[in-house]
């Protein structure tokens, strides 16, 4: 059951490194779901992965630590973070988005 919006915050993370083609988005989804965080992960054209995360602030802090580690096949160089607007359409689950390049 989703939590009320007033308790949730949103952040967007940008992950740089060898993070595409190594299962990073699936890893991010598994980590987010384990923490009760919703949102999405998607590859960007510049080689980074974007993660939009919605949840309790302390859960997002935990997610960031996981994102900095990444899955075994990835090499994470940097994770940057920006506050984001709470988007209710991402409040139910964590999805893997596919860009129409």
PDB file of N, CA and C in Angstrom:
ATOM      1  N   UNK A   1       0.843  -1.183   0.000  1.00  0.00           N
ATOM      2  CA  UNK A   1       0.000   0.000   0.000  1.00  0.00           C
ATOM      3  C   UNK A   1       0.887   1.245   0.000  1.00  0.00           C
ATOM      4  N   UNK A   2       0.712   2.135  -0.951  1.00  0.00           N
ATOM      5  CA  UNK A   2       1.566   3.322  -1.022  1.00  0.00           C
ATOM      6  C   UNK A   2       1.370   4.219   0.198  1.00  0.00           C
ATOM      7  N   UNK A   3       2.431   4.907   0.564  1.00  0.00           N
ATOM      8  CA  UNK A   3       2.336   5.813   1.704  1.00  0.00           C
ATOM      9  C   UNK A   3       1.783   7.161   1.246  1.00  0.00           C
ATOM     10  N   UNK A   4       1.224   7.939   2.181  1.00  0.00           N
ATOM     11  CA  UNK A   4       0.696   9.248   1.807  1.00  0.00           C
ATOM     12  C   UNK A   4       1.790  10.140   1.220  1.00  0.00           C
ATOM     13  N   UNK A   5       1.415  10.968   0.253  1.00  0.00           N
ATOM     14  CA  UNK A   5       2.378  11.830  -0.418  1.00  0.00           C
ATOM     15  C   UNK A   5       3.119  12.761   0.531  1.00  0.00           C
ATOM     16  N   UNK A   6       2.478  13.187   1.630  1.00  0.00           N
ATOM     17  CA  UNK A   6       3.144  14.159   2.503  1.00  0.00           C
ATOM     18  C   UNK A   6       4.366  13.580   3.207  1.00  0.00           C
ATOM     19  N   UNK A   7       4.525  12.273   3.228  1.00  0.00           N
ATOM     20  CA  UNK A   7       5.686  11.652   3.865  1.00  0.00           C
ATOM     21  C   UNK A   7       6.789  11.316   2.867  1.00  0.00           C
ATOM     22  N   UNK A   8       6.489  11.453   1.595  1.00  0.00           N
ATOM     23  CA  UNK A   8       7.458  11.050   0.571  1.00  0.00           C
ATOM     24  C   UNK A   8       8.190  12.253   0.001  1.00  0.00           C
ATOM     25  N   UNK A   9       9.430  11.998  -0.373  1.00  0.00           N
ATOM     26  CA  UNK A   9      10.222  12.975  -1.107  1.00  0.00           C
ATOM     27  C   UNK A   9      10.683  12.293  -2.390  1.00  0.00           C
ATOM     28  N   UNK A  10      11.106  13.104  -3.332  1.00  0.00           N
ATOM     29  CA  UNK A  10      11.577  12.561  -4.610  1.00  0.00           C
ATOM     30  C   UNK A  10      12.966  13.108  -4.902  1.00  0.00           C
ATOM     31  N   UNK A  11      13.781  12.251  -5.471  1.00  0.00           N
ATOM     32  CA  UNK A  11      15.123  12.639  -5.907  1.00  0.00           C
ATOM     33  C   UNK A  11      15.412  11.983  -7.243  1.00  0.00           C
ATOM     34  N   UNK A  12      16.222  12.653  -8.031  1.00  0.00           N
ATOM     35  CA  UNK A  12      16.710  12.064  -9.268  1.00  0.00           C
ATOM     36  C   UNK A  12      18.211  11.871  -9.117  1.00  0.00           C
ATOM     37  N   UNK A  13      18.653  10.656  -9.402  1.00  0.00           N
ATOM     38  CA  UNK A  13      20.069  10.305  -9.338  1.00  0.00           C
ATOM     39  C   UNK A  13      20.577  10.087 -10.753  1.00  0.00           C
ATOM     40  N   UNK A  14      21.794  10.540 -11.005  1.00  0.00           N
ATOM     41  CA  UNK A  14      22.448  10.305 -12.290  1.00  0.00           C
ATOM     42  C   UNK A  14      23.717   9.516 -11.994  1.00  0.00           C
ATOM     43  N   UNK A  15      23.799   8.328 -12.579  1.00  0.00           N
ATOM     44  CA  UNK A  15      24.902   7.423 -12.294  1.00  0.00           C
ATOM     45  C   UNK A  15      25.819   7.351 -13.513  1.00  0.00           C
ATOM     46  N   UNK A  16      27.093   7.690 -13.302  1.00  0.00           N
ATOM     47  CA  UNK A  16      28.099   7.666 -14.370  1.00  0.00           C
ATOM     48  C   UNK A  16      29.031   6.489 -14.166  1.00  0.00           C
ATOM     49  N   UNK A  17      29.568   6.023 -15.257  1.00  0.00           N
ATOM     50  CA  UNK A  17      30.531   4.927 -15.219  1.00  0.00           C
ATOM     51  C   UNK A  17      30.187   3.906 -16.275  1.00  0.00           C
ATOM     52  N   UNK A  18      30.609   2.677 -16.044  1.00  0.00           N
ATOM     53  CA  UNK A  18      30.252   1.572 -16.921  1.00  0.00           C
ATOM     54  C   UNK A  18      28.963   0.980 -16.350  1.00  0.00           C
ATOM     55  N   UNK A  19      27.830   1.612 -16.721  1.00  0.00           N
ATOM     56  CA  UNK A  19      26.556   1.295 -16.079  1.00  0.00           C
ATOM     57  C   UNK A  19      25.447   0.922 -17.068  1.00  0.00           C
ATOM     58  N   UNK A  20      25.772   0.849 -18.336  1.00  0.00           N
ATOM     59  CA  UNK A  20      24.776   0.395 -19.315  1.00  0.00           C
ATOM     60  C   UNK A  20      25.215  -0.956 -19.875  1.00  0.00           C
ATOM     61  N   UNK A  21      24.238  -1.845 -20.052  1.00  0.00           N
ATOM     62  CA  UNK A  21      24.534  -3.173 -20.576  1.00  0.00           C
ATOM     63  C   UNK A  21      25.107  -4.123 -19.533  1.00  0.00           C
ATOM     64  N   UNK A  22      24.974  -3.756 -18.249  1.00  0.00           N
ATOM     65  CA  UNK A  22      25.529  -4.581 -17.175  1.00  0.00           C
ATOM     66  C   UNK A  22      24.476  -4.934 -16.115  1.00  0.00           C
ATOM     67  N   UNK A  23      23.203  -4.719 -16.431  1.00  0.00           N
ATOM     68  CA  UNK A  23      22.133  -5.036 -15.488  1.00  0.00           C
ATOM     69  C   UNK A  23      21.913  -3.983 -14.420  1.00  0.00           C
ATOM     70  N   UNK A  24      22.391  -2.764 -14.656  1.00  0.00           N
ATOM     71  CA  UNK A  24      22.294  -1.733 -13.634  1.00  0.00           C
ATOM     72  C   UNK A  24      20.845  -1.333 -13.340  1.00  0.00           C
ATOM     73  N   UNK A  25      20.028  -1.179 -14.368  1.00  0.00           N
ATOM     74  CA  UNK A  25      18.633  -0.777 -14.132  1.00  0.00           C
ATOM     75  C   UNK A  25      17.876  -1.844 -13.350  1.00  0.00           C
ATOM     76  N   UNK A  26      18.106  -3.102 -13.665  1.00  0.00           N
ATOM     77  CA  UNK A  26      17.468  -4.192 -12.927  1.00  0.00           C
ATOM     78  C   UNK A  26      17.951  -4.201 -11.474  1.00  0.00           C
ATOM     79  N   UNK A  27      19.241  -3.973 -11.275  1.00  0.00           N
ATOM     80  CA  UNK A  27      19.796  -3.867  -9.933  1.00  0.00           C
ATOM     81  C   UNK A  27      19.124  -2.722  -9.165  1.00  0.00           C
ATOM     82  N   UNK A  28      19.000  -1.567  -9.811  1.00  0.00           N
ATOM     83  CA  UNK A  28      18.376  -0.411  -9.157  1.00  0.00           C
ATOM     84  C   UNK A  28      16.935  -0.728  -8.772  1.00  0.00           C
ATOM     85  N   UNK A  29      16.216  -1.416  -9.640  1.00  0.00           N
ATOM     86  CA  UNK A  29      14.830  -1.776  -9.329  1.00  0.00           C
ATOM     87  C   UNK A  29      14.769  -2.727  -8.136  1.00  0.00           C
ATOM     88  N   UNK A  30      15.631  -3.732  -8.118  1.00  0.00           N
ATOM     89  CA  UNK A  30      15.650  -4.678  -6.987  1.00  0.00           C
ATOM     90  C   UNK A  30      15.953  -3.964  -5.672  1.00  0.00           C
ATOM     91  N   UNK A  31      16.931  -3.062  -5.685  1.00  0.00           N
ATOM     92  CA  UNK A  31      17.305  -2.339  -4.473  1.00  0.00           C
ATOM     93  C   UNK A  31      16.164  -1.426  -4.029  1.00  0.00           C
ATOM     94  N   UNK A  32      15.546  -0.732  -4.972  1.00  0.00           N
ATOM     95  CA  UNK A  32      14.439   0.176  -4.642  1.00  0.00           C
ATOM     96  C   UNK A  32      13.258  -0.599  -4.065  1.00  0.00           C
ATOM     97  N   UNK A  33      12.903  -1.699  -4.700  1.00  0.00           N
ATOM     98  CA  UNK A  33      11.768  -2.489  -4.224  1.00  0.00           C
ATOM     99  C   UNK A  33      12.030  -3.036  -2.826  1.00  0.00           C
ATOM    100  N   UNK A  34      13.260  -3.446  -2.545  1.00  0.00           N
ATOM    101  CA  UNK A  34      13.602  -3.960  -1.218  1.00  0.00           C
ATOM    102  C   UNK A  34      13.451  -2.879  -0.145  1.00  0.00           C
ATOM    103  N   UNK A  35      13.630  -1.620  -0.545  1.00  0.00           N
ATOM    104  CA  UNK A  35      13.532  -0.503   0.391  1.00  0.00           C
ATOM    105  C   UNK A  35      12.138   0.129   0.418  1.00  0.00           C
ATOM    106  N   UNK A  36      11.232  -0.337  -0.439  1.00  0.00           N
ATOM    107  CA  UNK A  36       9.901   0.258  -0.507  1.00  0.00           C
ATOM    108  C   UNK A  36       9.878   1.583  -1.239  1.00  0.00           C
ATOM    109  N   UNK A  37      10.831   1.772  -2.161  1.00  0.00           N
ATOM    110  CA  UNK A  37      10.941   3.000  -2.943  1.00  0.00           C
ATOM    111  C   UNK A  37      10.339   2.756  -4.320  1.00  0.00           C
ATOM    112  N   UNK A  38       9.591   3.729  -4.830  1.00  0.00           N
ATOM    113  CA  UNK A  38       9.023   3.634  -6.171  1.00  0.00           C
ATOM    114  C   UNK A  38       9.750   4.604  -7.100  1.00  0.00           C
ATOM    115  N   UNK A  39       9.461   4.514  -8.396  1.00  0.00           N
ATOM    116  CA  UNK A  39      10.079   5.407  -9.370  1.00  0.00           C
ATOM    117  C   UNK A  39      10.447   4.659 -10.633  1.00  0.00           C
ATOM    118  N   UNK A  40      11.599   5.017 -11.211  1.00  0.00           N
ATOM    119  CA  UNK A  40      12.038   4.363 -12.447  1.00  0.00           C
ATOM    120  C   UNK A  40      13.543   4.471 -12.597  1.00  0.00           C
ATOM    121  N   UNK A  41      14.067   3.625 -13.476  1.00  0.00           N
ATOM    122  CA  UNK A  41      15.460   3.704 -13.924  1.00  0.00           C
ATOM    123  C   UNK A  41      15.449   3.680 -15.434  1.00  0.00           C
ATOM    124  N   UNK A  42      16.283   4.514 -16.046  1.00  0.00           N
ATOM    125  CA  UNK A  42      16.385   4.497 -17.507  1.00  0.00           C
ATOM    126  C   UNK A  42      17.790   4.877 -17.948  1.00  0.00           C
ATOM    127  N   UNK A  43      18.188   4.318 -19.073  1.00  0.00           N
ATOM    128  CA  UNK A  43      19.464   4.667 -19.688  1.00  0.00           C
ATOM    129  C   UNK A  43      19.325   6.020 -20.372  1.00  0.00           C
ATOM    130  N   UNK A  44      20.395   6.809 -20.303  1.00  0.00           N
ATOM    131  CA  UNK A  44      20.454   8.071 -21.021  1.00  0.00           C
ATOM    132  C   UNK A  44      21.402   7.933 -22.200  1.00  0.00           C
ATOM    133  N   UNK A  45      21.201   8.738 -23.203  1.00  0.00           N
ATOM    134  CA  UNK A  45      22.039   8.664 -24.405  1.00  0.00           C
ATOM    135  C   UNK A  45      23.510   8.910 -24.133  1.00  0.00           C
ATOM    136  N   UNK A  46      23.812   9.684 -23.091  1.00  0.00           N
ATOM    137  CA  UNK A  46      25.214  10.012 -22.797  1.00  0.00           C
ATOM    138  C   UNK A  46      25.952   8.913 -22.028  1.00  0.00           C
ATOM    139  N   UNK A  47      25.286   7.768 -21.802  1.00  0.00           N
ATOM    140  CA  UNK A  47      25.934   6.638 -21.134  1.00  0.00           C
ATOM    141  C   UNK A  47      25.619   6.526 -19.649  1.00  0.00           C
ATOM    142  N   UNK A  48      24.955   7.531 -19.101  1.00  0.00           N
ATOM    143  CA  UNK A  48      24.587   7.463 -17.683  1.00  0.00           C
ATOM    144  C   UNK A  48      23.251   6.732 -17.521  1.00  0.00           C
ATOM    145  N   UNK A  49      22.935   6.410 -16.276  1.00  0.00           N
ATOM    146  CA  UNK A  49      21.618   5.880 -15.927  1.00  0.00           C
ATOM    147  C   UNK A  49      20.955   6.907 -15.023  1.00  0.00           C
ATOM    148  N   UNK A  50      19.695   7.207 -15.309  1.00  0.00           N
ATOM    149  CA  UNK A  50      18.896   8.112 -14.491  1.00  0.00           C
ATOM    150  C   UNK A  50      17.962   7.283 -13.625  1.00  0.00           C
ATOM    151  N   UNK A  51      17.931   7.599 -12.339  1.00  0.00           N
ATOM    152  CA  UNK A  51      17.004   6.946 -11.422  1.00  0.00           C
ATOM    153  C   UNK A  51      16.159   8.018 -10.766  1.00  0.00           C
ATOM    154  N   UNK A  52      14.853   7.933 -10.943  1.00  0.00           N
ATOM    155  CA  UNK A  52      13.907   8.786 -10.226  1.00  0.00           C
ATOM    156  C   UNK A  52      13.367   7.945  -9.089  1.00  0.00           C
ATOM    157  N   UNK A  53      13.517   8.436  -7.859  1.00  0.00           N
ATOM    158  CA  UNK A  53      13.129   7.656  -6.693  1.00  0.00           C
ATOM    159  C   UNK A  53      12.186   8.457  -5.809  1.00  0.00           C
ATOM    160  N   UNK A  54      11.170   7.774  -5.309  1.00  0.00           N
ATOM    161  CA  UNK A  54      10.130   8.391  -4.496  1.00  0.00           C
ATOM    162  C   UNK A  54       9.941   7.543  -3.250  1.00  0.00           C
ATOM    163  N   UNK A  55      10.135   8.148  -2.078  1.00  0.00           N
ATOM    164  CA  UNK A  55       9.980   7.404  -0.831  1.00  0.00           C
ATOM    165  C   UNK A  55      10.385   8.235   0.369  1.00  0.00           C
ATOM    166  N   UNK A  56      10.519   7.597   1.503  1.00  0.00           N
ATOM    167  CA  UNK A  56      10.978   8.273   2.708  1.00  0.00           C
ATOM    168  C   UNK A  56      12.436   8.686   2.534  1.00  0.00           C
ATOM    169  N   UNK A  57      12.803   9.839   3.073  1.00  0.00           N
ATOM    170  CA  UNK A  57      14.155  10.373   2.884  1.00  0.00           C
ATOM    171  C   UNK A  57      15.235   9.374   3.298  1.00  0.00           C
ATOM    172  N   UNK A  58      15.043   8.701   4.428  1.00  0.00           N
ATOM    173  CA  UNK A  58      16.084   7.764   4.877  1.00  0.00           C
ATOM    174  C   UNK A  58      16.190   6.557   3.955  1.00  0.00           C
ATOM    175  N   UNK A  59      15.092   6.167   3.326  1.00  0.00           N
ATOM    176  CA  UNK A  59      15.136   5.061   2.355  1.00  0.00           C
ATOM    177  C   UNK A  59      15.873   5.495   1.094  1.00  0.00           C
ATOM    178  N   UNK A  60      15.686   6.764   0.695  1.00  0.00           N
ATOM    179  CA  UNK A  60      16.395   7.267  -0.483  1.00  0.00           C
ATOM    180  C   UNK A  60      17.893   7.370  -0.200  1.00  0.00           C
ATOM    181  N   UNK A  61      18.251   7.724   1.029  1.00  0.00           N
ATOM    182  CA  UNK A  61      19.675   7.748   1.393  1.00  0.00           C
ATOM    183  C   UNK A  61      20.280   6.342   1.281  1.00  0.00           C
ATOM    184  N   UNK A  62      19.534   5.342   1.750  1.00  0.00           N
ATOM    185  CA  UNK A  62      19.992   3.952   1.639  1.00  0.00           C
ATOM    186  C   UNK A  62      20.110   3.533   0.183  1.00  0.00           C
ATOM    187  N   UNK A  63      19.140   3.935  -0.639  1.00  0.00           N
ATOM    188  CA  UNK A  63      19.186   3.602  -2.063  1.00  0.00           C
ATOM    189  C   UNK A  63      20.423   4.209  -2.704  1.00  0.00           C
ATOM    190  N   UNK A  64      20.725   5.460  -2.375  1.00  0.00           N
ATOM    191  CA  UNK A  64      21.899   6.092  -2.974  1.00  0.00           C
ATOM    192  C   UNK A  64      23.164   5.293  -2.660  1.00  0.00           C
ATOM    193  N   UNK A  65      23.297   4.836  -1.422  1.00  0.00           N
ATOM    194  CA  UNK A  65      24.478   4.029  -1.068  1.00  0.00           C
ATOM    195  C   UNK A  65      24.554   2.760  -1.920  1.00  0.00           C
ATOM    196  N   UNK A  66      23.414   2.135  -2.181  1.00  0.00           N
ATOM    197  CA  UNK A  66      23.385   0.944  -3.038  1.00  0.00           C
ATOM    198  C   UNK A  66      23.752   1.312  -4.469  1.00  0.00           C
ATOM    199  N   UNK A  67      23.239   2.444  -4.955  1.00  0.00           N
ATOM    200  CA  UNK A  67      23.528   2.876  -6.322  1.00  0.00           C
ATOM    201  C   UNK A  67      25.017   3.150  -6.495  1.00  0.00           C
ATOM    202  N   UNK A  68      25.662   3.655  -5.453  1.00  0.00           N
ATOM    203  CA  UNK A  68      27.103   3.926  -5.521  1.00  0.00           C
ATOM    204  C   UNK A  68      27.914   2.637  -5.633  1.00  0.00           C
ATOM    205  N   UNK A  69      27.379   1.536  -5.107  1.00  0.00           N
ATOM    206  CA  UNK A  69      28.052   0.247  -5.217  1.00  0.00           C
ATOM    207  C   UNK A  69      27.790  -0.385  -6.575  1.00  0.00           C
ATOM    208  N   UNK A  70      26.527  -0.436  -6.980  1.00  0.00           N
ATOM    209  CA  UNK A  70      26.147  -1.032  -8.253  1.00  0.00           C
ATOM    210  C   UNK A  70      26.270  -2.544  -8.239  1.00  0.00           C
ATOM    211  N   UNK A  71      25.802  -3.176  -9.320  1.00  0.00           N
ATOM    212  CA  UNK A  71      25.929  -4.634  -9.445  1.00  0.00           C
ATOM    213  C   UNK A  71      27.376  -5.006  -9.766  1.00  0.00           C
ATOM    214  N   UNK A  72      27.728  -6.281  -9.601  1.00  0.00           N
ATOM    215  CA  UNK A  72      29.122  -6.711  -9.803  1.00  0.00           C
ATOM    216  C   UNK A  72      29.716  -6.343 -11.167  1.00  0.00           C
ATOM    217  N   UNK A  73      28.930  -6.370 -12.228  1.00  0.00           N
ATOM    218  CA  UNK A  73      29.474  -6.111 -13.567  1.00  0.00           C
ATOM    219  C   UNK A  73      29.654  -4.622 -13.870  1.00  0.00           C
ATOM    220  N   UNK A  74      29.124  -3.752 -13.025  1.00  0.00           N
ATOM    221  CA  UNK A  74      29.200  -2.307 -13.260  1.00  0.00           C
ATOM    222  C   UNK A  74      30.455  -1.713 -12.626  1.00  0.00           C
ATOM    223  N   UNK A  75      30.844  -0.561 -13.129  1.00  0.00           N
ATOM    224  CA  UNK A  75      31.891   0.255 -12.517  1.00  0.00           C
ATOM    225  C   UNK A  75      31.305   1.653 -12.351  1.00  0.00           C
ATOM    226  N   UNK A  76      30.882   1.977 -11.132  1.00  0.00           N
ATOM    227  CA  UNK A  76      30.260   3.274 -10.867  1.00  0.00           C
ATOM    228  C   UNK A  76      31.351   4.287 -10.546  1.00  0.00           C
ATOM    229  N   UNK A  77      31.372   5.387 -11.315  1.00  0.00           N
ATOM    230  CA  UNK A  77      32.357   6.439 -11.095  1.00  0.00           C
ATOM    231  C   UNK A  77      31.780   7.544 -10.217  1.00  0.00           C
ATOM    232  N   UNK A  78      30.504   7.871 -10.446  1.00  0.00           N
ATOM    233  CA  UNK A  78      29.915   8.990  -9.714  1.00  0.00           C
ATOM    234  C   UNK A  78      28.397   8.851  -9.680  1.00  0.00           C
ATOM    235  N   UNK A  79      27.814   9.255  -8.559  1.00  0.00           N
ATOM    236  CA  UNK A  79      26.361   9.364  -8.443  1.00  0.00           C
ATOM    237  C   UNK A  79      26.065  10.786  -8.007  1.00  0.00           C
ATOM    238  N   UNK A  80      25.344  11.524  -8.836  1.00  0.00           N
ATOM    239  CA  UNK A  80      24.912  12.859  -8.453  1.00  0.00           C
ATOM    240  C   UNK A  80      23.424  12.806  -8.149  1.00  0.00           C
ATOM    241  N   UNK A  81      22.971  13.774  -7.404  1.00  0.00           N
ATOM    242  CA  UNK A  81      21.597  13.754  -6.889  1.00  0.00           C
ATOM    243  C   UNK A  81      20.998  15.146  -6.998  1.00  0.00           C
ATOM    244  N   UNK A  82      19.721  15.183  -7.373  1.00  0.00           N
ATOM    245  CA  UNK A  82      18.981  16.446  -7.417  1.00  0.00           C
ATOM    246  C   UNK A  82      17.623  16.226  -6.779  1.00  0.00           C
ATOM    247  N   UNK A  83      17.113  17.222  -6.034  1.00  0.00           N
ATOM    248  CA  UNK A  83      15.738  17.100  -5.555  1.00  0.00           C
ATOM    249  C   UNK A  83      14.803  17.062  -6.759  1.00  0.00           C
ATOM    250  N   UNK A  84      13.703  16.379  -6.628  1.00  0.00           N
ATOM    251  CA  UNK A  84      12.758  16.255  -7.739  1.00  0.00           C
ATOM    252  C   UNK A  84      11.340  16.492  -7.229  1.00  0.00           C
ATOM    253  N   UNK A  85      10.473  16.755  -8.157  1.00  0.00           N
ATOM    254  CA  UNK A  85       9.056  16.924  -7.842  1.00  0.00           C
ATOM    255  C   UNK A  85       8.429  15.550  -7.604  1.00  0.00           C
ATOM    256  N   UNK A  86       7.536  15.461  -6.627  1.00  0.00           N
ATOM    257  CA  UNK A  86       6.798  14.214  -6.396  1.00  0.00           C
ATOM    258  C   UNK A  86       5.815  14.031  -7.555  1.00  0.00           C
ATOM    259  N   UNK A  87       5.995  12.951  -8.292  1.00  0.00           N
ATOM    260  CA  UNK A  87       5.141  12.637  -9.436  1.00  0.00           C
ATOM    261  C   UNK A  87       4.274  11.437  -9.078  1.00  0.00           C
ATOM    262  N   UNK A  88       2.988  11.655  -8.788  1.00  0.00           N
ATOM    263  CA  UNK A  88       2.113  10.569  -8.349  1.00  0.00           C
ATOM    264  C   UNK A  88       2.086   9.370  -9.297  1.00  0.00           C
ATOM    265  N   UNK A  89       2.322   9.576 -10.586  1.00  0.00           N
ATOM    266  CA  UNK A  89       2.253   8.441 -11.526  1.00  0.00           C
ATOM    267  C   UNK A  89       3.343   7.404 -11.258  1.00  0.00           C
ATOM    268  N   UNK A  90       4.371   7.787 -10.506  1.00  0.00           N
ATOM    269  CA  UNK A  90       5.430   6.838 -10.143  1.00  0.00           C
ATOM    270  C   UNK A  90       5.304   6.375  -8.698  1.00  0.00           C
ATOM    271  N   UNK A  91       4.146   6.563  -8.095  1.00  0.00           N
ATOM    272  CA  UNK A  91       3.946   6.250  -6.694  1.00  0.00           C
ATOM    273  C   UNK A  91       3.564   4.819  -6.382  1.00  0.00           C
ATOM    274  N   UNK A  92       3.361   3.990  -7.384  1.00  0.00           N
ATOM    275  CA  UNK A  92       2.883   2.625  -7.148  1.00  0.00           C
ATOM    276  C   UNK A  92       3.961   1.557  -7.247  1.00  0.00           C
ATOM    277  N   UNK A  93       4.929   1.749  -8.141  1.00  0.00           N
ATOM    278  CA  UNK A  93       5.931   0.711  -8.374  1.00  0.00           C
ATOM    279  C   UNK A  93       7.218   1.331  -8.890  1.00  0.00           C
ATOM    280  N   UNK A  94       8.240   0.502  -9.011  1.00  0.00           N
ATOM    281  CA  UNK A  94       9.506   0.936  -9.603  1.00  0.00           C
ATOM    282  C   UNK A  94       9.622   0.255 -10.953  1.00  0.00           C
ATOM    283  N   UNK A  95       9.759   1.044 -12.009  1.00  0.00           N
ATOM    284  CA  UNK A  95       9.771   0.479 -13.363  1.00  0.00           C
ATOM    285  C   UNK A  95      11.117   0.746 -14.056  1.00  0.00           C
ATOM    286  N   UNK A  96      11.332  -0.011 -15.101  1.00  0.00           N
ATOM    287  CA  UNK A  96      12.469   0.218 -15.981  1.00  0.00           C
ATOM    288  C   UNK A  96      11.906   0.875 -17.227  1.00  0.00           C
ATOM    289  N   UNK A  97      12.361   2.095 -17.471  1.00  0.00           N
ATOM    290  CA  UNK A  97      11.872   2.873 -18.606  1.00  0.00           C
ATOM    291  C   UNK A  97      12.791   2.605 -19.810  1.00  0.00           C
ATOM    292  N   UNK A  98      12.196   2.665 -20.974  1.00  0.00           N
ATOM    293  CA  UNK A  98      12.951   2.461 -22.208  1.00  0.00           C
ATOM    294  C   UNK A  98      12.806   3.705 -23.091  1.00  0.00           C
ATOM    295  N   UNK A  99      13.918   4.297 -23.413  1.00  0.00           N
ATOM    296  CA  UNK A  99      13.911   5.480 -24.276  1.00  0.00           C
ATOM    297  C   UNK A  99      13.693   5.057 -25.718  1.00  0.00           C
ATOM    298  N   UNK A 100      13.002   5.878 -26.451  1.00  0.00           N
ATOM    299  CA  UNK A 100      12.789   5.609 -27.872  1.00  0.00           C
ATOM    300  C   UNK A 100      13.842   6.289 -28.719  1.00  0.00           C
ATOM    301  N   UNK A 101      15.104   5.878 -28.517  1.00  0.00           N
ATOM    302  CA  UNK A 101      16.201   6.507 -29.251  1.00  0.00           C
ATOM    303  C   UNK A 101      16.007   6.276 -30.717  1.00  0.00           C
TER     304      UNK A 101
END
